[in-house]
């Protein structure tokens, strides 16, 4: 278990084992983080239930995004409202419009890869 358990919301979670969001859920759990997940289809990955409704989660440290920029806009307000400490934009999810909104709300964000961050102990 890592020193600091970072409650993480995998946003854009997939049941498909070949998707990076799916692999990230397994790695996050293996690294001892509390994982929550939102996706289009209900199911369980790495012992984590994927929610298909936007729930009022609390205490979120990190939102790790696996949803392309074109699909993010309807979720801006919701994600900002969760008041996460940071948002990780995984490759393919970069979104300058959302960066600006997060900056205005003093929410940290980074363009990185959750899998690489976990693998190099930078998570």
N, C-alpha and C. Protein backbone atom coordinates (compact mmCIF):
# COMPACT_ATOMS: atom_id res chain seq x y z
N UNK A 1 0.84 -1.18 0.00
CA UNK A 1 0.00 0.00 0.00
C UNK A 1 0.89 1.26 0.00
N UNK A 2 0.48 2.24 -0.77
CA UNK A 2 1.26 3.48 -0.81
C UNK A 2 0.98 4.31 0.44
N UNK A 3 1.85 5.27 0.69
CA UNK A 3 1.69 6.12 1.86
C UNK A 3 0.39 6.90 1.82
N UNK A 4 0.04 7.43 0.64
CA UNK A 4 -1.16 8.27 0.57
C UNK A 4 -2.15 7.65 -0.41
N UNK A 5 -3.30 7.26 0.12
CA UNK A 5 -4.37 6.72 -0.70
C UNK A 5 -5.07 7.90 -1.37
N UNK A 6 -4.97 7.99 -2.67
CA UNK A 6 -5.61 9.09 -3.39
C UNK A 6 -6.93 8.60 -3.98
N UNK A 7 -8.02 9.05 -3.37
CA UNK A 7 -9.35 8.66 -3.87
C UNK A 7 -9.47 9.19 -5.30
N UNK A 8 -9.64 8.25 -6.22
CA UNK A 8 -9.58 8.58 -7.64
C UNK A 8 -10.86 8.19 -8.36
N UNK A 9 -11.36 9.11 -9.17
CA UNK A 9 -12.51 8.84 -10.02
C UNK A 9 -12.00 8.62 -11.44
N UNK A 10 -12.21 7.41 -11.96
CA UNK A 10 -11.88 7.10 -13.36
C UNK A 10 -13.11 7.50 -14.16
N UNK A 11 -12.97 8.57 -14.92
CA UNK A 11 -14.10 9.13 -15.66
C UNK A 11 -13.99 8.75 -17.13
N UNK A 12 -14.92 7.89 -17.54
CA UNK A 12 -14.85 7.31 -18.89
C UNK A 12 -14.37 5.87 -18.78
N UNK A 13 -14.74 5.23 -17.68
CA UNK A 13 -14.33 3.85 -17.42
C UNK A 13 -14.97 2.90 -18.43
N UNK A 14 -14.22 1.87 -18.79
CA UNK A 14 -14.69 0.90 -19.79
C UNK A 14 -14.57 -0.53 -19.26
N UNK A 15 -15.54 -1.36 -19.65
CA UNK A 15 -15.50 -2.78 -19.32
C UNK A 15 -14.55 -3.53 -20.24
N UNK A 16 -14.14 -2.91 -21.33
CA UNK A 16 -13.29 -3.53 -22.33
C UNK A 16 -11.84 -3.63 -21.81
N UNK A 17 -11.34 -4.85 -21.63
CA UNK A 17 -10.00 -5.02 -21.07
C UNK A 17 -8.88 -4.42 -21.93
N UNK A 18 -9.15 -4.10 -23.18
CA UNK A 18 -8.10 -3.51 -24.01
C UNK A 18 -8.07 -1.98 -23.92
N UNK A 19 -8.99 -1.40 -23.13
CA UNK A 19 -9.02 0.07 -22.99
C UNK A 19 -8.12 0.49 -21.83
N UNK A 20 -7.47 1.64 -22.00
CA UNK A 20 -6.55 2.13 -20.97
C UNK A 20 -7.26 2.43 -19.65
N UNK A 21 -8.51 2.89 -19.72
CA UNK A 21 -9.23 3.17 -18.47
C UNK A 21 -9.40 1.90 -17.65
N UNK A 22 -9.62 0.79 -18.32
CA UNK A 22 -9.79 -0.50 -17.66
C UNK A 22 -8.48 -0.91 -16.97
N UNK A 23 -7.38 -0.81 -17.69
CA UNK A 23 -6.06 -1.14 -17.14
C UNK A 23 -5.71 -0.21 -15.98
N UNK A 24 -6.06 1.07 -16.12
CA UNK A 24 -5.79 2.04 -15.05
C UNK A 24 -6.52 1.66 -13.77
N UNK A 25 -7.75 1.17 -13.89
CA UNK A 25 -8.50 0.78 -12.70
C UNK A 25 -7.77 -0.35 -11.96
N UNK A 26 -7.29 -1.35 -12.69
CA UNK A 26 -6.54 -2.44 -12.07
C UNK A 26 -5.27 -1.93 -11.40
N UNK A 27 -4.55 -1.05 -12.08
CA UNK A 27 -3.28 -0.53 -11.53
C UNK A 27 -3.53 0.36 -10.31
N UNK A 28 -4.56 1.21 -10.37
CA UNK A 28 -4.87 2.07 -9.23
C UNK A 28 -5.21 1.22 -8.00
N UNK A 29 -6.04 0.21 -8.18
CA UNK A 29 -6.41 -0.68 -7.08
C UNK A 29 -5.16 -1.39 -6.55
N UNK A 30 -4.31 -1.89 -7.45
CA UNK A 30 -3.09 -2.59 -7.05
C UNK A 30 -2.14 -1.68 -6.27
N UNK A 31 -2.20 -0.37 -6.56
CA UNK A 31 -1.34 0.59 -5.85
C UNK A 31 -2.00 1.10 -4.56
N UNK A 32 -3.16 0.55 -4.21
CA UNK A 32 -3.78 0.88 -2.94
C UNK A 32 -4.65 2.11 -2.92
N UNK A 33 -5.03 2.62 -4.09
CA UNK A 33 -5.90 3.80 -4.13
C UNK A 33 -7.36 3.39 -4.08
N UNK A 34 -8.17 4.22 -3.47
CA UNK A 34 -9.62 3.99 -3.49
C UNK A 34 -10.11 4.46 -4.85
N UNK A 35 -10.80 3.59 -5.58
CA UNK A 35 -11.20 3.90 -6.94
C UNK A 35 -12.71 3.93 -7.08
N UNK A 36 -13.18 4.98 -7.74
CA UNK A 36 -14.57 5.11 -8.14
C UNK A 36 -14.55 5.20 -9.65
N UNK A 37 -15.67 4.86 -10.30
CA UNK A 37 -15.66 4.87 -11.75
C UNK A 37 -17.01 5.29 -12.32
N UNK A 38 -16.94 6.07 -13.40
CA UNK A 38 -18.13 6.47 -14.15
C UNK A 38 -17.90 6.05 -15.60
N UNK A 39 -18.92 5.42 -16.18
CA UNK A 39 -18.83 5.01 -17.57
C UNK A 39 -20.21 4.85 -18.18
N UNK A 40 -20.24 4.45 -19.43
CA UNK A 40 -21.51 4.30 -20.15
C UNK A 40 -22.24 3.01 -19.81
N UNK A 41 -21.50 1.98 -19.39
CA UNK A 41 -22.11 0.68 -19.10
C UNK A 41 -21.78 0.24 -17.69
N UNK A 42 -22.80 -0.25 -17.00
CA UNK A 42 -22.61 -0.79 -15.66
C UNK A 42 -21.80 -2.08 -15.73
N UNK A 43 -21.02 -2.30 -14.72
CA UNK A 43 -20.23 -3.52 -14.65
C UNK A 43 -19.20 -3.36 -13.55
N UNK A 44 -18.36 -4.36 -13.40
CA UNK A 44 -17.33 -4.34 -12.36
C UNK A 44 -15.97 -4.60 -12.99
N UNK A 45 -15.01 -3.74 -12.66
CA UNK A 45 -13.63 -3.88 -13.13
C UNK A 45 -12.73 -3.77 -11.90
N UNK A 46 -11.87 -4.74 -11.71
CA UNK A 46 -10.92 -4.74 -10.58
C UNK A 46 -11.64 -4.59 -9.23
N UNK A 47 -12.85 -5.15 -9.16
CA UNK A 47 -13.63 -5.06 -7.92
C UNK A 47 -14.34 -3.72 -7.74
N UNK A 48 -14.26 -2.86 -8.74
CA UNK A 48 -14.87 -1.52 -8.67
C UNK A 48 -16.09 -1.49 -9.56
N UNK A 49 -17.22 -1.09 -8.99
CA UNK A 49 -18.44 -0.97 -9.78
C UNK A 49 -18.40 0.31 -10.61
N UNK A 50 -18.73 0.19 -11.88
CA UNK A 50 -18.80 1.37 -12.75
C UNK A 50 -20.20 1.95 -12.64
N UNK A 51 -20.26 3.21 -12.20
CA UNK A 51 -21.54 3.91 -12.10
C UNK A 51 -21.88 4.51 -13.45
N UNK A 52 -23.18 4.51 -13.78
CA UNK A 52 -23.63 5.12 -15.03
C UNK A 52 -24.41 6.40 -14.77
N UNK A 53 -24.56 6.74 -13.49
CA UNK A 53 -25.20 8.00 -13.10
C UNK A 53 -24.14 8.88 -12.45
N UNK A 54 -24.32 10.19 -12.61
CA UNK A 54 -23.38 11.14 -11.99
C UNK A 54 -23.73 11.26 -10.51
N UNK A 55 -22.95 10.63 -9.69
CA UNK A 55 -23.21 10.62 -8.25
C UNK A 55 -22.45 11.75 -7.56
N UNK A 56 -22.97 12.19 -6.41
CA UNK A 56 -22.32 13.29 -5.67
C UNK A 56 -21.16 12.79 -4.80
N UNK A 57 -20.13 12.26 -5.45
CA UNK A 57 -18.96 11.76 -4.72
C UNK A 57 -18.34 12.88 -3.88
N UNK A 58 -17.73 12.49 -2.78
CA UNK A 58 -17.03 13.47 -1.95
C UNK A 58 -15.60 13.00 -1.72
N UNK A 59 -14.73 13.94 -1.38
CA UNK A 59 -13.36 13.61 -1.03
C UNK A 59 -12.50 13.12 -2.18
N UNK A 60 -12.86 13.50 -3.41
CA UNK A 60 -12.09 13.06 -4.58
C UNK A 60 -10.76 13.81 -4.63
N UNK A 61 -9.67 13.07 -4.65
CA UNK A 61 -8.36 13.70 -4.82
C UNK A 61 -8.09 13.94 -6.31
N UNK A 62 -8.31 12.89 -7.11
CA UNK A 62 -7.93 12.94 -8.52
C UNK A 62 -9.06 12.43 -9.42
N UNK A 63 -9.32 13.17 -10.48
CA UNK A 63 -10.17 12.67 -11.55
C UNK A 63 -9.22 12.35 -12.69
N UNK A 64 -9.24 11.11 -13.16
CA UNK A 64 -8.42 10.76 -14.31
C UNK A 64 -9.36 10.53 -15.49
N UNK A 65 -9.20 11.37 -16.50
CA UNK A 65 -10.12 11.41 -17.64
C UNK A 65 -9.74 10.45 -18.75
N UNK A 66 -10.75 9.70 -19.18
CA UNK A 66 -10.62 8.81 -20.35
C UNK A 66 -11.82 9.06 -21.26
N UNK A 67 -12.00 10.31 -21.62
CA UNK A 67 -13.11 10.71 -22.48
C UNK A 67 -12.59 11.82 -23.38
N UNK A 68 -12.76 11.69 -24.69
CA UNK A 68 -12.18 12.69 -25.58
C UNK A 68 -12.82 14.06 -25.39
N UNK A 69 -12.10 15.09 -25.77
CA UNK A 69 -12.52 16.48 -25.54
C UNK A 69 -13.92 16.76 -26.08
N UNK A 70 -14.27 16.18 -27.20
CA UNK A 70 -15.58 16.41 -27.80
C UNK A 70 -16.75 15.94 -26.95
N UNK A 71 -16.48 15.02 -26.02
CA UNK A 71 -17.56 14.48 -25.17
C UNK A 71 -17.53 15.03 -23.75
N UNK A 72 -16.55 15.89 -23.43
CA UNK A 72 -16.39 16.35 -22.04
C UNK A 72 -17.33 17.47 -21.63
N UNK A 73 -17.67 18.35 -22.55
CA UNK A 73 -18.38 19.58 -22.18
C UNK A 73 -19.61 19.38 -21.29
N UNK A 74 -20.48 18.39 -21.56
CA UNK A 74 -21.65 18.22 -20.67
C UNK A 74 -21.28 17.91 -19.22
N UNK A 75 -20.03 17.55 -18.99
CA UNK A 75 -19.59 17.13 -17.66
C UNK A 75 -18.73 18.16 -16.93
N UNK A 76 -18.42 19.29 -17.56
CA UNK A 76 -17.56 20.31 -16.93
C UNK A 76 -18.05 20.68 -15.53
N UNK A 77 -19.31 21.09 -15.47
CA UNK A 77 -19.88 21.59 -14.21
C UNK A 77 -19.87 20.51 -13.14
N UNK A 78 -20.24 19.30 -13.54
CA UNK A 78 -20.25 18.19 -12.60
C UNK A 78 -18.85 17.92 -12.04
N UNK A 79 -17.86 17.81 -12.92
CA UNK A 79 -16.50 17.50 -12.48
C UNK A 79 -15.91 18.61 -11.62
N UNK A 80 -16.14 19.85 -12.00
CA UNK A 80 -15.67 20.98 -11.18
C UNK A 80 -16.36 20.96 -9.82
N UNK A 81 -17.65 20.61 -9.82
CA UNK A 81 -18.43 20.55 -8.57
C UNK A 81 -17.95 19.49 -7.60
N UNK A 82 -17.23 18.49 -8.09
CA UNK A 82 -16.67 17.46 -7.20
C UNK A 82 -15.49 18.01 -6.40
N UNK A 83 -14.98 19.17 -6.82
CA UNK A 83 -13.84 19.82 -6.15
C UNK A 83 -12.64 18.89 -5.98
N UNK A 84 -12.22 18.25 -7.08
CA UNK A 84 -11.03 17.40 -6.95
C UNK A 84 -9.79 18.25 -6.76
N UNK A 85 -8.73 17.65 -6.21
CA UNK A 85 -7.46 18.37 -6.10
C UNK A 85 -6.81 18.52 -7.46
N UNK A 86 -7.03 17.52 -8.34
CA UNK A 86 -6.44 17.60 -9.67
C UNK A 86 -7.23 16.76 -10.66
N UNK A 87 -7.02 17.10 -11.93
CA UNK A 87 -7.60 16.34 -13.04
C UNK A 87 -6.45 15.92 -13.94
N UNK A 88 -6.38 14.64 -14.25
CA UNK A 88 -5.36 14.15 -15.18
C UNK A 88 -6.01 13.94 -16.54
N UNK A 89 -5.46 14.62 -17.54
CA UNK A 89 -5.92 14.46 -18.91
C UNK A 89 -5.00 13.43 -19.57
N UNK A 90 -5.50 12.21 -19.70
CA UNK A 90 -4.73 11.15 -20.33
C UNK A 90 -4.59 11.43 -21.83
N UNK A 91 -3.61 10.81 -22.50
CA UNK A 91 -3.43 11.07 -23.94
C UNK A 91 -4.74 10.93 -24.72
N UNK A 92 -5.02 11.94 -25.54
CA UNK A 92 -6.24 11.93 -26.34
C UNK A 92 -7.40 12.66 -25.69
N UNK A 93 -7.21 13.14 -24.45
CA UNK A 93 -8.31 13.82 -23.75
C UNK A 93 -8.03 15.31 -23.54
N UNK A 94 -6.89 15.80 -24.04
CA UNK A 94 -6.49 17.19 -23.83
C UNK A 94 -7.61 18.13 -24.30
N UNK A 95 -7.84 19.19 -23.49
CA UNK A 95 -8.97 20.07 -23.78
C UNK A 95 -8.71 21.48 -23.23
N UNK A 96 -8.17 22.38 -24.07
CA UNK A 96 -7.84 23.75 -23.63
C UNK A 96 -9.03 24.50 -23.03
N UNK A 97 -10.22 24.26 -23.52
CA UNK A 97 -11.41 24.93 -22.98
C UNK A 97 -11.63 24.50 -21.52
N UNK A 98 -11.48 23.21 -21.25
CA UNK A 98 -11.66 22.71 -19.90
C UNK A 98 -10.49 23.14 -19.01
N UNK A 99 -9.26 23.19 -19.57
CA UNK A 99 -8.09 23.66 -18.80
C UNK A 99 -8.39 25.04 -18.22
N UNK A 100 -8.95 25.93 -19.05
CA UNK A 100 -9.24 27.31 -18.65
C UNK A 100 -10.22 27.33 -17.47
N UNK A 101 -11.28 26.53 -17.58
CA UNK A 101 -12.28 26.49 -16.50
C UNK A 101 -11.68 25.96 -15.20
N UNK A 102 -10.86 24.94 -15.29
CA UNK A 102 -10.21 24.38 -14.10
C UNK A 102 -9.27 25.40 -13.47
N UNK A 103 -8.53 26.10 -14.31
CA UNK A 103 -7.61 27.13 -13.81
C UNK A 103 -8.38 28.21 -13.05
N UNK A 104 -9.53 28.63 -13.61
CA UNK A 104 -10.36 29.65 -12.96
C UNK A 104 -10.85 29.19 -11.59
N UNK A 105 -11.05 27.88 -11.43
CA UNK A 105 -11.55 27.33 -10.16
C UNK A 105 -10.41 26.85 -9.27
N UNK A 106 -9.17 27.15 -9.67
CA UNK A 106 -7.98 26.77 -8.90
C UNK A 106 -7.87 25.26 -8.67
N UNK A 107 -8.23 24.50 -9.71
CA UNK A 107 -8.09 23.05 -9.66
C UNK A 107 -6.90 22.69 -10.54
N UNK A 108 -5.95 21.98 -9.95
CA UNK A 108 -4.75 21.58 -10.71
C UNK A 108 -5.14 20.61 -11.81
N UNK A 109 -4.39 20.65 -12.90
CA UNK A 109 -4.60 19.67 -13.96
C UNK A 109 -3.26 19.39 -14.61
N UNK A 110 -3.17 18.23 -15.19
CA UNK A 110 -1.95 17.90 -15.93
C UNK A 110 -2.29 16.98 -17.09
N UNK A 111 -1.51 17.15 -18.14
CA UNK A 111 -1.62 16.27 -19.29
C UNK A 111 -0.56 15.21 -19.07
N UNK A 112 -1.04 14.02 -18.76
CA UNK A 112 -0.12 12.95 -18.42
C UNK A 112 -0.84 11.63 -18.66
N UNK A 113 -0.18 10.55 -18.33
CA UNK A 113 -0.76 9.22 -18.46
C UNK A 113 -0.77 8.59 -17.08
N UNK A 114 -1.95 8.29 -16.59
CA UNK A 114 -2.09 7.69 -15.26
C UNK A 114 -1.24 6.43 -15.14
N UNK A 115 -1.23 5.60 -16.18
CA UNK A 115 -0.46 4.35 -16.13
C UNK A 115 1.04 4.62 -15.98
N UNK A 116 1.54 5.60 -16.72
CA UNK A 116 2.96 5.96 -16.62
C UNK A 116 3.24 6.54 -15.24
N UNK A 117 2.36 7.42 -14.76
CA UNK A 117 2.56 8.03 -13.44
C UNK A 117 2.63 6.97 -12.35
N UNK A 118 1.74 5.97 -12.41
CA UNK A 118 1.76 4.90 -11.43
C UNK A 118 3.03 4.07 -11.55
N UNK A 119 3.42 3.78 -12.78
CA UNK A 119 4.60 2.95 -13.02
C UNK A 119 5.91 3.62 -12.61
N UNK A 120 5.91 4.95 -12.54
CA UNK A 120 7.14 5.67 -12.18
C UNK A 120 7.02 6.32 -10.79
N UNK A 121 6.03 5.90 -10.03
CA UNK A 121 5.79 6.44 -8.69
C UNK A 121 5.63 7.94 -8.65
N UNK A 122 4.98 8.51 -9.67
CA UNK A 122 4.72 9.95 -9.71
C UNK A 122 3.25 10.27 -9.51
N UNK A 123 2.47 9.25 -9.14
CA UNK A 123 1.04 9.46 -8.95
C UNK A 123 0.79 10.11 -7.61
